[in-house]
Amino acid sequence: MTAVLEAAGLSKHFPARGSLFGANHGVVRAVDDISFAIEPGKTLGVVGESGCGKTTTAKLVLGLETPTGGAIRFDGRDLAGLDKSGRRHYRKSVQAVFQDPFASLNPRMRISAIISEPLTTNETITANDVRRRVLELLDMVGLPARSADLFPHEFSGGQRQRIAIARALSLSPKLIVLDEPVSALDVSIRAQILNLLSDLQAELGVAYLFIAHDLAAVAHMSHDILVMYLGKIVESGNAHEVATNPRHPYTQALFSAALPSHPEEQREEIILTGEVPSPLRPPSGCRFHPRCQHAMPRCSTEVPEAKGVAGRIVACHLY
């Protein structure tokens, strides 16, 4: 199956400038030579601690940042080589749902205008067709037709996120970037939104790039999981296999701290020592070695190669 989106050797480095005359003090390697693919109708989950490069990866996919190196291909076409028409098509085909549904909705606009704004901006469409499409989208996300004439403050957090999802779907995208889509919601509402996203994917065949700290949500939603640490991919593969039988020591520590799927499930608790190193000066060799309980002498000098291990890719000298 041809991937909707592929990233090959993708990197994003930011110059680190000091306060004195803006002097350059090196680069922050936010994303450093990563590769992945997202297939039609599938979900790729991205997990890792804060500062691992998840959000920068999302910005690169959305075109909000320009890669320092590597390439992003959409439907087989390199984004760097797209003309104005191609870029316009890409922006229509890739949409986003953000963490805070209230901050992402204009409080002065009625819901009908919020949902229809992408349509009226990108398509030539009659007012009647706009209204029909808005009502169709509201129904798809489980909101009544009368919602179209209300304002964002008249809805709960979960309802506002449904509105944000409806807006993302207005142009019938092939890929939606979900950046922490449920972390700002009450726990009782999260499952409803995740189930809605799953149902919409099954109905529409849309692909998701799902970024979250909630490992249980990522494992539930994703077909494949990509684990990042300090801008690098340390493990990737089938979501169920990665979540239930992680191989990289960092992945093991992450999922040992996640809530179990069943109250009687027993897990070995793995405590990571130390703090996440600065991406401005990442450790030599394996970037995780200062915090790894399995670290060997070679880990501090040799960068581990990504290898196939038990049906997934792992970058670790243990294998």
Protein backbone atom coordinates (compact mmCIF):
# COMPACT_ATOMS: atom_id res chain seq x y z
CA MET A 1 0.00 0.00 0.00
CA THR A 2 1.35 3.42 -1.00
CA ALA A 3 1.90 5.70 1.98
CA VAL A 4 -0.04 8.94 2.25
CA LEU A 5 3.00 10.62 3.74
CA GLU A 6 6.65 9.55 4.02
CA ALA A 7 9.52 11.22 5.85
CA ALA A 8 13.07 10.24 4.91
CA GLY A 9 16.07 11.40 6.93
CA LEU A 10 14.01 14.32 8.27
CA SER A 11 15.88 16.86 10.42
CA LYS A 12 15.15 20.24 11.95
CA HIS A 13 17.93 22.18 13.69
CA PHE A 14 17.36 25.57 15.29
CA PRO A 15 20.20 28.06 15.87
CA ALA A 16 20.71 28.70 19.59
CA ARG A 17 21.47 32.36 20.13
CA GLY A 18 22.70 34.03 23.29
CA SER A 19 21.36 37.32 24.60
CA LEU A 20 24.59 39.24 23.93
CA PHE A 21 24.40 40.65 20.36
CA GLY A 22 22.48 37.53 19.30
CA ALA A 23 25.66 35.48 19.02
CA ASN A 24 25.25 31.97 17.68
CA HIS A 25 25.84 29.29 20.31
CA GLY A 26 25.39 26.17 18.22
CA VAL A 27 22.22 24.40 17.12
CA VAL A 28 19.32 22.69 18.86
CA ARG A 29 18.76 19.35 17.16
CA ALA A 30 15.01 19.17 17.70
CA VAL A 31 14.52 16.47 15.06
CA ASP A 32 17.58 14.59 13.87
CA ASP A 33 17.46 12.19 10.90
CA ILE A 34 14.14 10.39 11.39
CA SER A 35 12.14 8.36 8.87
CA PHE A 36 8.56 7.10 8.98
CA ALA A 37 5.51 6.46 6.80
CA ILE A 38 1.76 6.86 7.33
CA GLU A 39 -0.56 4.63 5.28
CA PRO A 40 -4.10 5.56 4.17
CA GLY A 41 -6.70 4.96 6.87
CA LYS A 42 -4.03 4.20 9.49
CA THR A 43 -2.80 5.96 12.62
CA LEU A 44 0.85 6.54 13.47
CA GLY A 45 1.28 7.35 17.16
CA VAL A 46 4.28 9.38 18.31
CA VAL A 47 5.30 9.25 21.98
CA GLY A 48 8.15 10.50 24.13
CA GLU A 49 8.95 12.90 26.95
CA SER A 50 8.61 16.66 26.55
CA GLY A 51 11.39 17.98 24.33
CA CYS A 52 11.80 14.75 22.34
CA GLY A 53 10.77 16.38 19.05
CA LYS A 54 7.11 15.34 18.73
CA THR A 55 5.68 18.81 18.19
CA THR A 56 8.49 19.85 15.84
CA THR A 57 7.74 16.74 13.78
CA ALA A 58 4.08 17.79 13.61
CA LYS A 59 5.07 21.31 12.51
CA LEU A 60 7.27 19.90 9.76
CA VAL A 61 4.39 17.75 8.49
CA LEU A 62 2.01 20.73 8.59
CA GLY A 63 4.47 22.92 6.72
CA LEU A 64 4.85 25.30 9.66
CA GLU A 65 8.60 24.63 9.74
CA THR A 66 11.03 24.03 6.88
CA PRO A 67 13.24 20.94 7.24
CA THR A 68 16.96 21.44 7.75
CA GLY A 69 17.58 18.14 6.00
CA GLY A 70 15.80 15.14 4.57
CA ALA A 71 12.51 15.05 2.69
CA ILE A 72 8.76 14.77 3.18
CA ARG A 73 6.77 13.11 0.39
CA PHE A 74 3.00 13.33 0.08
CA ASP A 75 1.34 10.87 -2.31
CA GLY A 76 4.84 10.19 -3.62
CA ARG A 77 5.67 13.85 -4.37
CA ASP A 78 8.47 15.67 -2.56
CA LEU A 79 7.08 18.76 -0.81
CA ALA A 80 10.24 20.72 -1.61
CA GLY A 81 9.49 20.39 -5.32
CA LEU A 82 5.82 21.41 -5.24
CA ASP A 83 4.70 24.49 -7.13
CA LYS A 84 2.13 26.96 -5.80
CA SER A 85 -0.79 24.77 -6.91
CA GLY A 86 0.79 21.69 -5.35
CA ARG A 87 1.39 23.47 -2.04
CA ARG A 88 -2.23 24.62 -2.02
CA HIS A 89 -3.41 21.05 -2.59
CA TYR A 90 -1.15 19.82 0.21
CA ARG A 91 -2.51 22.38 2.68
CA LYS A 92 -6.05 21.27 1.86
CA SER A 93 -5.15 17.58 2.20
CA VAL A 94 -3.38 17.87 5.58
CA GLN A 95 -5.33 19.38 8.48
CA ALA A 96 -4.79 19.60 12.25
CA VAL A 97 -6.63 19.29 15.56
CA PHE A 98 -4.83 20.96 18.45
CA GLN A 99 -4.66 20.44 22.20
CA ASP A 100 -6.82 23.29 23.49
CA PRO A 101 -10.14 23.43 21.61
CA PHE A 102 -11.07 26.79 23.11
CA ALA A 103 -7.82 28.50 22.10
CA SER A 104 -8.07 27.14 18.55
CA LEU A 105 -11.60 28.50 17.95
CA ASN A 106 -12.28 32.20 17.33
CA PRO A 107 -14.61 33.27 20.19
CA ARG A 108 -16.19 35.99 18.01
CA MET A 109 -17.25 33.65 15.21
CA ARG A 110 -20.35 31.48 15.12
CA ILE A 111 -19.74 27.76 14.74
CA SER A 112 -21.06 27.77 11.16
CA ALA A 113 -18.42 30.36 10.20
CA ILE A 114 -15.64 28.48 12.03
CA ILE A 115 -16.38 25.19 10.28
CA SER A 116 -16.99 26.75 6.87
CA GLU A 117 -13.96 29.07 6.86
CA PRO A 118 -11.65 26.48 5.21
CA LEU A 119 -14.35 25.81 2.60
CA THR A 120 -14.99 29.43 1.68
CA THR A 121 -11.25 30.16 1.62
CA ASN A 122 -10.26 27.25 -0.61
CA GLU A 123 -13.33 26.41 -2.68
CA THR A 124 -15.85 28.21 -4.88
CA ILE A 125 -19.09 27.17 -3.25
CA THR A 126 -22.61 28.58 -2.88
CA ALA A 127 -24.04 29.69 0.47
CA ASN A 128 -26.61 26.89 0.36
CA ASP A 129 -23.92 24.28 -0.23
CA VAL A 130 -21.83 25.76 2.60
CA ARG A 131 -24.74 25.49 5.01
CA ARG A 132 -25.47 21.93 3.89
CA ARG A 133 -21.85 20.92 4.39
CA VAL A 134 -21.69 22.53 7.85
CA LEU A 135 -24.81 20.65 9.00
CA GLU A 136 -23.42 17.41 7.56
CA LEU A 137 -20.15 17.86 9.46
CA LEU A 138 -21.93 18.70 12.72
CA ASP A 139 -23.95 15.51 12.37
CA MET A 140 -20.77 13.50 11.69
CA VAL A 141 -19.21 14.68 14.97
CA GLY A 142 -22.39 14.15 17.00
CA LEU A 143 -23.61 17.74 17.42
CA PRO A 144 -27.16 19.01 16.70
CA ALA A 145 -27.89 21.33 13.77
CA ARG A 146 -28.70 24.24 16.08
CA SER A 147 -25.01 24.30 17.11
CA ALA A 148 -24.23 26.09 13.86
CA ASP A 149 -25.66 29.37 15.13
CA LEU A 150 -23.97 29.37 18.53
CA PHE A 151 -20.58 30.64 19.74
CA PRO A 152 -17.67 28.57 21.17
CA HIS A 153 -18.25 29.72 24.78
CA GLU A 154 -21.68 28.05 24.70
CA PHE A 155 -20.13 24.59 24.49
CA SER A 156 -18.23 22.28 26.84
CA GLY A 157 -14.60 21.33 26.23
CA GLY A 158 -15.52 18.02 24.61
CA GLN A 159 -18.08 19.70 22.35
CA ARG A 160 -15.54 22.33 21.30
CA GLN A 161 -13.11 19.59 20.34
CA ARG A 162 -15.86 18.02 18.22
CA ILE A 163 -16.21 21.38 16.47
CA ALA A 164 -12.45 21.49 15.87
CA ILE A 165 -12.64 17.99 14.36
CA ALA A 166 -15.53 19.06 12.12
CA ARG A 167 -13.48 22.02 10.90
CA ALA A 168 -10.50 19.75 10.16
CA LEU A 169 -12.78 17.47 8.11
CA SER A 170 -14.38 20.28 6.09
CA LEU A 171 -11.98 19.91 3.13
CA SER A 172 -12.04 16.07 3.18
CA PRO A 173 -8.32 15.74 4.05
CA LYS A 174 -6.26 12.61 3.60
CA LEU A 175 -4.23 13.20 6.78
CA ILE A 176 -5.04 14.89 10.09
CA VAL A 177 -2.35 15.77 12.60
CA LEU A 178 -3.76 15.21 16.10
CA ASP A 179 -1.52 17.14 18.53
CA GLU A 180 -2.54 16.11 22.07
CA PRO A 181 -6.24 16.12 21.05
CA VAL A 182 -7.61 14.89 24.39
CA SER A 183 -5.08 16.00 27.02
CA ALA A 184 -7.03 19.21 27.84
CA LEU A 185 -10.32 17.33 28.30
CA ASP A 186 -11.88 15.71 31.36
CA VAL A 187 -11.03 12.04 31.71
CA SER A 188 -14.71 11.11 31.28
CA ILE A 189 -14.79 12.84 27.88
CA ARG A 190 -11.51 11.55 26.45
CA ALA A 191 -12.84 8.10 25.52
CA GLN A 192 -15.77 9.68 23.67
CA ILE A 193 -13.47 11.82 21.51
CA LEU A 194 -11.08 8.94 20.83
CA ASN A 195 -13.98 6.69 19.82
CA LEU A 196 -15.33 9.45 17.57
CA LEU A 197 -11.94 9.74 15.85
CA SER A 198 -11.81 5.96 15.36
CA ASP A 199 -15.32 5.89 13.89
CA LEU A 200 -14.53 8.76 11.52
CA GLN A 201 -11.36 7.01 10.37
CA ALA A 202 -13.28 3.82 9.65
CA GLU A 203 -15.96 5.77 7.76
CA LEU A 204 -13.79 8.21 5.81
CA GLY A 205 -10.46 6.40 5.46
CA VAL A 206 -8.51 9.39 6.77
CA ALA A 207 -5.00 8.85 8.17
CA TYR A 208 -3.87 10.27 11.54
CA LEU A 209 -0.54 11.40 12.95
CA PHE A 210 -1.40 11.08 16.65
CA ILE A 211 0.89 12.86 19.12
CA ALA A 212 0.24 12.46 22.84
CA HIS A 213 1.71 11.93 26.29
CA ASP A 214 -1.15 9.58 27.17
CA LEU A 215 0.44 6.23 26.30
CA ALA A 216 -2.81 4.30 26.85
CA ALA A 217 -4.59 6.55 24.34
CA VAL A 218 -1.79 6.17 21.80
CA ALA A 219 -1.75 2.38 22.18
CA HIS A 220 -5.56 2.28 21.81
CA MET A 221 -5.72 4.55 18.75
CA SER A 222 -2.60 3.69 16.78
CA HIS A 223 -1.77 1.01 14.26
CA ASP A 224 1.95 1.77 14.59
CA ILE A 225 3.92 3.60 17.30
CA LEU A 226 7.07 5.66 16.93
CA VAL A 227 9.07 6.35 20.13
CA MET A 228 11.29 9.44 20.14
CA TYR A 229 14.07 10.53 22.47
CA LEU A 230 16.03 13.77 22.02
CA GLY A 231 15.08 14.10 18.36
CA LYS A 232 15.85 10.47 17.47
CA ILE A 233 13.63 7.44 16.90
CA VAL A 234 14.61 4.72 19.35
CA GLU A 235 11.86 2.19 18.55
CA SER A 236 9.02 1.84 16.05
CA GLY A 237 6.62 -0.88 15.02
CA ASN A 238 3.18 -2.39 15.49
CA ALA A 239 1.34 -0.53 18.24
CA HIS A 240 0.26 -3.62 20.17
CA GLU A 241 3.73 -5.17 20.06
CA VAL A 242 5.49 -1.97 21.11
CA ALA A 243 3.02 -1.30 23.94
CA THR A 244 2.90 -4.83 25.36
CA ASN A 245 6.45 -6.02 24.65
CA PRO A 246 8.75 -2.98 24.34
CA ARG A 247 12.39 -3.72 23.54
CA HIS A 248 14.30 -0.44 23.87
CA PRO A 249 15.09 0.42 27.53
CA TYR A 250 13.53 3.87 27.08
CA THR A 251 10.31 2.41 25.66
CA GLN A 252 10.22 -0.07 28.53
CA ALA A 253 10.48 2.76 31.04
CA LEU A 254 7.75 4.79 29.33
CA PHE A 255 5.21 2.00 29.25
CA SER A 256 6.06 0.77 32.75
CA ALA A 257 4.85 4.18 33.97
CA ALA A 258 1.60 4.08 31.95
CA LEU A 259 -1.70 3.10 33.52
CA PRO A 260 -2.33 -0.65 33.11
CA SER A 261 -5.16 -1.81 30.86
CA HIS A 262 -6.51 -3.98 33.70
CA PRO A 263 -6.40 -3.39 37.49
CA GLU A 264 -4.81 -6.80 38.12
CA GLU A 265 -2.09 -6.39 35.51
CA GLN A 266 1.38 -6.55 37.07
CA ARG A 267 4.26 -4.54 35.64
CA GLU A 268 7.88 -4.04 36.56
CA GLU A 269 8.33 -0.40 37.55
CA ILE A 270 11.34 1.19 35.86
CA ILE A 271 12.54 4.50 37.30
CA LEU A 272 14.57 6.70 34.97
CA THR A 273 17.37 8.54 36.74
CA GLY A 274 18.52 12.05 35.90
CA GLU A 275 17.00 14.66 33.64
CA VAL A 276 16.56 14.71 29.86
CA PRO A 277 19.84 16.13 28.44
CA SER A 278 19.78 19.38 26.51
CA PRO A 279 19.19 18.99 22.73
CA LEU A 280 21.79 21.74 22.34
CA ARG A 281 24.46 19.36 23.65
CA PRO A 282 23.12 15.81 23.28
CA PRO A 283 25.25 12.98 24.71
CA SER A 284 27.67 11.24 22.38
CA GLY A 285 26.92 7.73 21.19
CA CYS A 286 23.46 6.60 22.24
CA ARG A 287 21.63 9.69 23.50
CA PHE A 288 19.83 7.66 26.15
CA HIS A 289 22.95 6.07 27.67
CA PRO A 290 23.35 8.49 30.68
CA ARG A 291 19.93 7.35 31.98
CA CYS A 292 19.97 3.71 30.86
CA GLN A 293 20.32 0.90 33.38
CA HIS A 294 21.74 -1.38 30.65
CA ALA A 295 24.41 1.06 29.39
CA MET A 296 27.67 -0.49 28.19
CA PRO A 297 31.00 1.23 27.43
CA ARG A 298 30.29 1.30 23.69
CA CYS A 299 26.97 3.12 24.31
CA SER A 300 28.82 6.35 25.15
CA THR A 301 30.86 6.36 21.93
CA GLU A 302 28.95 4.49 19.21
CA VAL A 303 25.61 5.61 17.77
CA PRO A 304 23.39 2.49 17.64
CA GLU A 305 22.03 1.44 14.26
CA ALA A 306 18.32 0.91 13.82
CA LYS A 307 17.81 -2.84 13.36
CA GLY A 308 14.89 -5.21 12.96
CA VAL A 309 14.11 -6.89 16.29
CA ALA A 310 11.07 -9.15 16.79
CA GLY A 311 9.05 -7.44 14.09
CA ARG A 312 9.90 -3.84 14.94
CA ILE A 313 12.82 -1.41 14.51
CA VAL A 314 15.03 -0.76 17.56
CA ALA A 315 18.10 1.47 17.85
CA CYS A 316 19.98 -0.11 20.76
CA HIS A 317 23.32 -1.87 21.27
CA LEU A 318 21.56 -4.62 23.27
CA TYR A 319 20.40 -6.10 19.98
